[in-house]
């Protein structure tokens, strides 16, 4: 938030929580879930958006209806291909959309696989300005119901966290994604820190902070502390590739290390120099994903060593202002 807007917000919450901490917590949840404008800001963001939109301009598009009237949007590539082929799902981060993942999507489609890329509610072509983890996991379930089981799922940031929550079956009443493999790029392993930082930023006192976190429980059916994927990644029994950069300033590399320590099914791949955003289009990252998706044949190509490359070899782009994940 801009400084003036933040000060006004803090003043508003100070007054509201003095009257009712519960109302302040509910209002904070609404604010937390409000997504940024989908319009790209700045020349680089506009160029990146235009390039991605051009790549996805001619592909199939689908609306996915979710509970409560929300909707997600899906792109599909190679949907009409004949013969046996793999099927992949791609999910984006907070404030992003499928068009910013176009380099990855194109690489996957070039293998001949059927590729489905989501725009979560409040993002891209889905419309709206509201998203929380329950809606994201619902969108993933809707995609599997519409297109069939996925051989692998690949998600960046919030999208990676949502895939992990889905795969672990953490949300009551929502079918978990049944993919054979998972790729998590710059993804958080738990989310309590986000709510703590958000509450501190807007000046919530203890009672209002508790009310905010209780709202998460009411909406999703899970307490905030239960959204800790590092405690469940080892139990899902599927190969997981975790890709992260130690210079990621939005999601600490501590999250990647927690994933890496969680089970023998997790491979940790450091993509240093690419930060949180450029990482989704970095050539070494795309190569590592391709090798991992090849299964045992490509497994040895996925190294846990850091990539020591000049990050300038990947064009810099800026996504709309956002939080990394919910």
Protein backbone atom coordinates (compact mmCIF):
# COMPACT_ATOMS: atom_id res chain seq x y z
CA UNK A 1 0.00 0.00 0.00
CA UNK A 2 1.09 3.58 -0.57
CA UNK A 3 2.07 5.36 2.64
CA UNK A 4 -0.99 7.63 2.73
CA UNK A 5 -3.41 4.79 1.96
CA UNK A 6 -1.76 2.64 4.62
CA UNK A 7 -2.06 5.37 7.24
CA UNK A 8 -5.75 5.82 6.43
CA UNK A 9 -6.26 2.05 6.61
CA UNK A 10 -4.51 1.82 9.96
CA UNK A 11 -6.62 4.64 11.35
CA UNK A 12 -9.78 2.92 10.14
CA UNK A 13 -8.85 -0.39 11.73
CA UNK A 14 -7.81 1.34 14.94
CA UNK A 15 -11.27 2.83 15.25
CA UNK A 16 -13.13 -0.32 14.18
CA UNK A 17 -11.33 -2.72 16.50
CA UNK A 18 -11.93 -0.36 19.42
CA UNK A 19 -15.66 -0.91 18.79
CA UNK A 20 -15.57 -4.57 17.72
CA UNK A 21 -12.44 -6.71 17.29
CA UNK A 22 -14.57 -9.33 15.56
CA UNK A 23 -15.78 -6.89 12.91
CA UNK A 24 -12.24 -5.63 12.48
CA UNK A 25 -11.01 -9.20 11.92
CA UNK A 26 -13.70 -9.85 9.32
CA UNK A 27 -12.92 -6.59 7.54
CA UNK A 28 -9.21 -7.44 7.61
CA UNK A 29 -9.94 -10.80 5.97
CA UNK A 30 -11.84 -9.09 3.15
CA UNK A 31 -8.95 -6.71 2.63
CA UNK A 32 -6.42 -9.53 2.74
CA UNK A 33 -8.31 -11.42 0.04
CA UNK A 34 -8.73 -8.43 -2.28
CA UNK A 35 -6.66 -9.03 -5.39
CA UNK A 36 -4.77 -6.31 -7.27
CA UNK A 37 -5.98 -4.88 -10.54
CA UNK A 38 -5.27 -7.25 -13.45
CA UNK A 39 -4.08 -4.32 -15.57
CA UNK A 40 -0.28 -4.42 -15.94
CA UNK A 41 1.57 -1.40 -14.61
CA UNK A 42 4.70 -0.04 -16.25
CA UNK A 43 6.21 -0.57 -19.67
CA UNK A 44 7.93 -3.86 -18.84
CA UNK A 45 4.82 -5.36 -17.29
CA UNK A 46 2.74 -4.29 -20.28
CA UNK A 47 5.25 -5.79 -22.69
CA UNK A 48 5.38 -9.07 -20.76
CA UNK A 49 1.60 -9.23 -20.57
CA UNK A 50 1.22 -8.51 -24.28
CA UNK A 51 3.77 -11.17 -25.21
CA UNK A 52 2.09 -13.78 -23.03
CA UNK A 53 -1.38 -12.86 -24.25
CA UNK A 54 -0.20 -13.21 -27.85
CA UNK A 55 1.13 -16.71 -27.14
CA UNK A 56 -2.17 -17.79 -25.59
CA UNK A 57 -4.39 -15.82 -27.93
CA UNK A 58 -5.50 -18.68 -30.13
CA UNK A 59 -5.88 -21.48 -27.59
CA UNK A 60 -9.08 -22.95 -26.16
CA UNK A 61 -10.60 -21.13 -23.20
CA UNK A 62 -13.04 -22.37 -20.57
CA UNK A 63 -14.98 -20.89 -17.66
CA UNK A 64 -14.96 -23.02 -14.51
CA UNK A 65 -17.83 -22.44 -12.08
CA UNK A 66 -16.99 -22.69 -8.41
CA UNK A 67 -19.01 -22.82 -5.20
CA UNK A 68 -20.62 -19.57 -4.12
CA UNK A 69 -20.81 -18.14 -7.62
CA UNK A 70 -17.08 -17.59 -8.09
CA UNK A 71 -15.40 -18.62 -11.31
CA UNK A 72 -11.97 -19.48 -12.61
CA UNK A 73 -10.71 -19.40 -16.16
CA UNK A 74 -8.72 -22.09 -17.97
CA UNK A 75 -6.61 -22.11 -21.11
CA UNK A 76 -6.02 -25.44 -22.83
CA UNK A 77 -3.30 -26.29 -25.35
CA UNK A 78 -3.16 -29.51 -27.40
CA UNK A 79 -6.65 -30.43 -26.27
CA UNK A 80 -7.54 -31.93 -29.64
CA UNK A 81 -4.41 -34.02 -30.05
CA UNK A 82 -4.92 -37.62 -31.10
CA UNK A 83 -3.32 -40.50 -29.25
CA UNK A 84 -2.00 -41.02 -25.75
CA UNK A 85 -0.33 -37.99 -24.20
CA UNK A 86 0.44 -36.51 -20.84
CA UNK A 87 -1.67 -33.83 -19.23
CA UNK A 88 -0.23 -30.98 -17.13
CA UNK A 89 -1.79 -28.25 -15.00
CA UNK A 90 -0.12 -24.84 -14.48
CA UNK A 91 -1.07 -22.36 -11.74
CA UNK A 92 0.13 -18.79 -11.22
CA UNK A 93 1.02 -16.61 -8.25
CA UNK A 94 -0.84 -13.86 -6.43
CA UNK A 95 -1.54 -10.87 -8.68
CA UNK A 96 -0.34 -12.76 -11.74
CA UNK A 97 -2.17 -14.81 -14.39
CA UNK A 98 -1.56 -17.54 -16.94
CA UNK A 99 -0.21 -15.06 -19.51
CA UNK A 100 2.80 -14.39 -17.28
CA UNK A 101 3.48 -18.14 -17.28
CA UNK A 102 3.39 -18.36 -21.09
CA UNK A 103 7.08 -19.34 -21.47
CA UNK A 104 6.58 -22.34 -19.19
CA UNK A 105 3.22 -23.20 -20.74
CA UNK A 106 4.71 -23.10 -24.24
CA UNK A 107 7.61 -25.34 -23.22
CA UNK A 108 5.20 -27.92 -21.81
CA UNK A 109 2.95 -27.77 -24.88
CA UNK A 110 5.96 -28.25 -27.18
CA UNK A 111 6.38 -31.75 -25.70
CA UNK A 112 2.99 -32.66 -27.17
CA UNK A 113 1.30 -32.80 -23.77
CA UNK A 114 -2.15 -31.40 -23.13
CA UNK A 115 -1.59 -28.32 -20.99
CA UNK A 116 -4.23 -26.59 -18.86
CA UNK A 117 -3.33 -23.22 -17.33
CA UNK A 118 -5.58 -21.59 -14.75
CA UNK A 119 -6.50 -18.02 -13.99
CA UNK A 120 -7.66 -18.13 -10.37
CA UNK A 121 -10.69 -16.08 -9.26
CA UNK A 122 -9.77 -12.42 -9.07
CA UNK A 123 -7.04 -12.84 -11.69
CA UNK A 124 -6.64 -12.64 -15.45
CA UNK A 125 -9.72 -13.57 -17.45
CA UNK A 126 -11.51 -14.99 -14.40
CA UNK A 127 -12.65 -11.54 -13.32
CA UNK A 128 -13.49 -10.32 -9.83
CA UNK A 129 -11.16 -8.98 -7.16
CA UNK A 130 -11.34 -11.67 -4.45
CA UNK A 131 -9.39 -14.85 -3.76
CA UNK A 132 -8.51 -17.06 -0.82
CA UNK A 133 -6.95 -20.49 -0.53
CA UNK A 134 -10.31 -22.26 -0.44
CA UNK A 135 -11.30 -20.77 -3.81
CA UNK A 136 -7.92 -21.60 -5.34
CA UNK A 137 -8.09 -25.23 -4.24
CA UNK A 138 -11.67 -25.36 -5.51
CA UNK A 139 -10.48 -24.12 -8.90
CA UNK A 140 -7.85 -26.87 -9.03
CA UNK A 141 -10.51 -29.48 -8.23
CA UNK A 142 -12.81 -28.02 -10.90
CA UNK A 143 -10.00 -28.25 -13.46
CA UNK A 144 -9.39 -31.92 -12.71
CA UNK A 145 -13.12 -32.63 -12.87
CA UNK A 146 -13.41 -30.85 -16.22
CA UNK A 147 -10.25 -32.10 -17.97
CA UNK A 148 -9.37 -35.34 -16.17
CA UNK A 149 -6.46 -36.41 -13.98
CA UNK A 150 -3.12 -34.66 -14.47
CA UNK A 151 0.22 -36.41 -14.82
CA UNK A 152 1.90 -33.44 -13.17
CA UNK A 153 0.99 -30.05 -11.73
CA UNK A 154 3.29 -27.03 -11.79
CA UNK A 155 2.66 -23.91 -9.70
CA UNK A 156 4.41 -20.65 -8.93
CA UNK A 157 4.28 -18.93 -5.53
CA UNK A 158 0.67 -18.88 -4.27
CA UNK A 159 -0.23 -21.26 -7.09
CA UNK A 160 2.37 -23.75 -5.86
CA UNK A 161 1.11 -23.48 -2.30
CA UNK A 162 -2.46 -24.09 -3.51
CA UNK A 163 -1.35 -27.21 -5.40
CA UNK A 164 0.36 -28.54 -2.27
CA UNK A 165 -2.70 -27.84 -0.12
CA UNK A 166 -4.84 -29.63 -2.72
CA UNK A 167 -2.51 -32.63 -3.11
CA UNK A 168 -2.41 -33.07 0.67
CA UNK A 169 -6.22 -33.03 0.85
CA UNK A 170 -6.16 -30.32 3.50
CA UNK A 171 -9.55 -28.79 2.67
CA UNK A 172 -12.58 -30.74 3.91
CA UNK A 173 -15.05 -31.58 1.17
CA UNK A 174 -12.74 -30.64 -1.74
CA UNK A 175 -11.34 -33.47 -3.86
CA UNK A 176 -7.53 -33.45 -3.83
CA UNK A 177 -5.62 -33.22 -7.09
CA UNK A 178 -4.35 -36.67 -8.05
CA UNK A 179 -1.30 -35.79 -10.13
CA UNK A 180 1.68 -38.10 -10.25
CA UNK A 181 4.25 -35.34 -9.81
CA UNK A 182 4.36 -31.81 -8.39
CA UNK A 183 6.60 -28.86 -9.21
CA UNK A 184 6.62 -25.93 -6.77
CA UNK A 185 8.38 -22.75 -7.92
CA UNK A 186 9.10 -20.09 -5.29
CA UNK A 187 6.24 -21.44 -3.19
CA UNK A 188 5.64 -20.81 0.53
CA UNK A 189 5.46 -23.85 2.78
CA UNK A 190 3.10 -22.28 5.33
CA UNK A 191 1.05 -19.12 5.62
CA UNK A 192 0.84 -18.04 9.24
CA UNK A 193 3.67 -15.56 8.66
CA UNK A 194 1.64 -13.78 5.95
CA UNK A 195 -1.30 -13.18 8.26
CA UNK A 196 1.01 -12.07 11.08
CA UNK A 197 2.81 -9.61 8.82
CA UNK A 198 -0.46 -8.36 7.35
CA UNK A 199 -2.00 -7.82 10.77
CA UNK A 200 1.08 -5.94 11.91
CA UNK A 201 1.04 -3.80 8.76
CA UNK A 202 -2.55 -2.62 9.26
CA UNK A 203 -2.17 -2.28 13.02
CA UNK A 204 -4.38 -5.10 14.32
CA UNK A 205 -4.35 -5.72 18.06
CA UNK A 206 -4.38 -9.24 19.47
CA UNK A 207 -8.17 -9.69 19.62
CA UNK A 208 -8.69 -8.50 16.04
CA UNK A 209 -5.78 -10.65 14.83
CA UNK A 210 -7.38 -13.68 16.46
CA UNK A 211 -10.68 -12.80 14.75
CA UNK A 212 -8.90 -12.56 11.40
CA UNK A 213 -7.37 -16.00 11.82
CA UNK A 214 -10.68 -17.49 13.00
CA UNK A 215 -12.23 -16.25 9.75
CA UNK A 216 -9.74 -18.42 7.85
CA UNK A 217 -11.01 -21.42 9.83
CA UNK A 218 -14.66 -20.61 9.10
CA UNK A 219 -14.07 -20.13 5.38
CA UNK A 220 -11.78 -23.10 4.72
CA UNK A 221 -12.59 -25.55 7.49
CA UNK A 222 -8.95 -25.55 8.61
CA UNK A 223 -7.07 -23.56 11.23
CA UNK A 224 -4.35 -21.33 9.89
CA UNK A 225 -1.57 -23.37 11.47
CA UNK A 226 -2.79 -26.48 9.63
CA UNK A 227 -1.82 -24.93 6.30
CA UNK A 228 1.73 -26.15 6.69
CA UNK A 229 2.59 -28.11 3.58
CA UNK A 230 6.10 -28.92 4.78
CA UNK A 231 4.46 -31.23 7.33
CA UNK A 232 2.50 -33.09 4.64
CA UNK A 233 4.70 -33.10 1.54
CA UNK A 234 6.52 -36.24 2.64
CA UNK A 235 3.26 -38.03 3.38
CA UNK A 236 1.69 -37.61 -0.08
CA UNK A 237 4.08 -40.21 -1.49
CA UNK A 238 4.63 -38.48 -4.84
CA UNK A 239 7.78 -37.00 -6.36
CA UNK A 240 8.02 -33.24 -5.71
CA UNK A 241 10.46 -30.82 -7.32
CA UNK A 242 10.95 -27.62 -5.32
CA UNK A 243 12.58 -24.77 -7.24
CA UNK A 244 13.64 -21.62 -5.42
CA UNK A 245 16.17 -18.81 -5.58
CA UNK A 246 18.17 -17.83 -2.55
CA UNK A 247 17.79 -14.22 -3.70
CA UNK A 248 13.98 -14.46 -3.62
CA UNK A 249 12.85 -11.36 -1.71
CA UNK A 250 9.13 -12.24 -1.62
CA UNK A 251 9.16 -15.83 -0.37
CA UNK A 252 12.13 -16.65 1.83
CA UNK A 253 14.35 -19.58 0.77
CA UNK A 254 13.67 -20.94 4.26
CA UNK A 255 10.42 -22.31 2.81
CA UNK A 256 12.31 -24.31 0.18
CA UNK A 257 14.61 -25.73 2.82
CA UNK A 258 11.61 -26.78 4.92
CA UNK A 259 10.20 -28.61 1.91
CA UNK A 260 13.56 -30.20 1.19
CA UNK A 261 13.85 -31.53 4.74
CA UNK A 262 10.32 -32.91 4.77
CA UNK A 263 10.80 -36.17 2.90
CA UNK A 264 12.88 -38.27 0.54
CA UNK A 265 10.36 -37.69 -2.24
CA UNK A 266 11.38 -34.01 -2.47
CA UNK A 267 14.12 -32.75 -4.78
CA UNK A 268 15.40 -29.23 -4.14
CA UNK A 269 16.70 -27.21 -7.10
CA UNK A 270 18.32 -23.82 -6.45
CA UNK A 271 17.87 -21.30 -9.26
CA UNK A 272 19.93 -18.49 -7.80
CA UNK A 273 20.01 -15.17 -9.60
CA UNK A 274 16.42 -15.30 -10.84
CA UNK A 275 14.59 -13.97 -7.79
CA UNK A 276 10.89 -14.56 -7.32
CA UNK A 277 9.48 -13.55 -10.69
CA UNK A 278 12.02 -14.12 -13.45
CA UNK A 279 12.38 -17.67 -12.20
CA UNK A 280 9.24 -18.80 -14.06
CA UNK A 281 10.87 -18.11 -17.45
CA UNK A 282 14.51 -18.92 -16.70
CA UNK A 283 15.95 -21.41 -19.19
CA UNK A 284 17.74 -23.54 -16.54
CA UNK A 285 14.49 -23.76 -14.59
CA UNK A 286 12.50 -24.83 -17.66
CA UNK A 287 15.15 -27.47 -18.41
CA UNK A 288 15.00 -28.79 -14.84
CA UNK A 289 11.21 -29.03 -14.99
CA UNK A 290 11.33 -30.85 -18.33
CA UNK A 291 13.84 -33.36 -16.96
CA UNK A 292 11.79 -33.93 -13.81
CA UNK A 293 8.61 -34.50 -15.80
CA UNK A 294 10.41 -37.09 -17.92
CA UNK A 295 10.47 -39.24 -14.81
CA UNK A 296 13.26 -41.67 -14.07
CA UNK A 297 14.84 -41.04 -17.49
CA UNK A 298 15.43 -37.39 -16.68
CA UNK A 299 15.81 -37.55 -12.93
CA UNK A 300 19.59 -37.38 -12.86
CA UNK A 301 19.49 -34.12 -14.80
CA UNK A 302 17.72 -32.36 -11.92
CA UNK A 303 20.55 -31.24 -9.69
CA UNK A 304 20.31 -29.72 -6.25
CA UNK A 305 23.24 -27.44 -7.00
CA UNK A 306 22.80 -23.69 -7.32
CA UNK A 307 22.72 -22.12 -10.76
CA UNK A 308 25.41 -19.45 -10.79
CA UNK A 309 24.33 -17.42 -13.79
CA UNK A 310 23.90 -13.77 -14.57
CA UNK A 311 20.20 -13.11 -14.08
CA UNK A 312 20.28 -10.60 -16.93
CA UNK A 313 20.17 -13.44 -19.49
CA UNK A 314 16.45 -13.61 -18.74
CA UNK A 315 14.51 -10.44 -19.67
CA UNK A 316 13.29 -8.68 -16.56
CA UNK A 317 9.56 -8.10 -16.20
CA UNK A 318 7.40 -6.78 -13.42
CA UNK A 319 4.12 -8.34 -12.45
CA UNK A 320 1.38 -6.18 -10.96
CA UNK A 321 1.97 -5.22 -7.34
CA UNK A 322 1.09 -8.20 -5.19
CA UNK A 323 1.69 -10.35 -2.17
CA UNK A 324 3.54 -13.55 -2.96
CA UNK A 325 0.92 -15.87 -1.52
CA UNK A 326 -2.01 -16.19 0.82
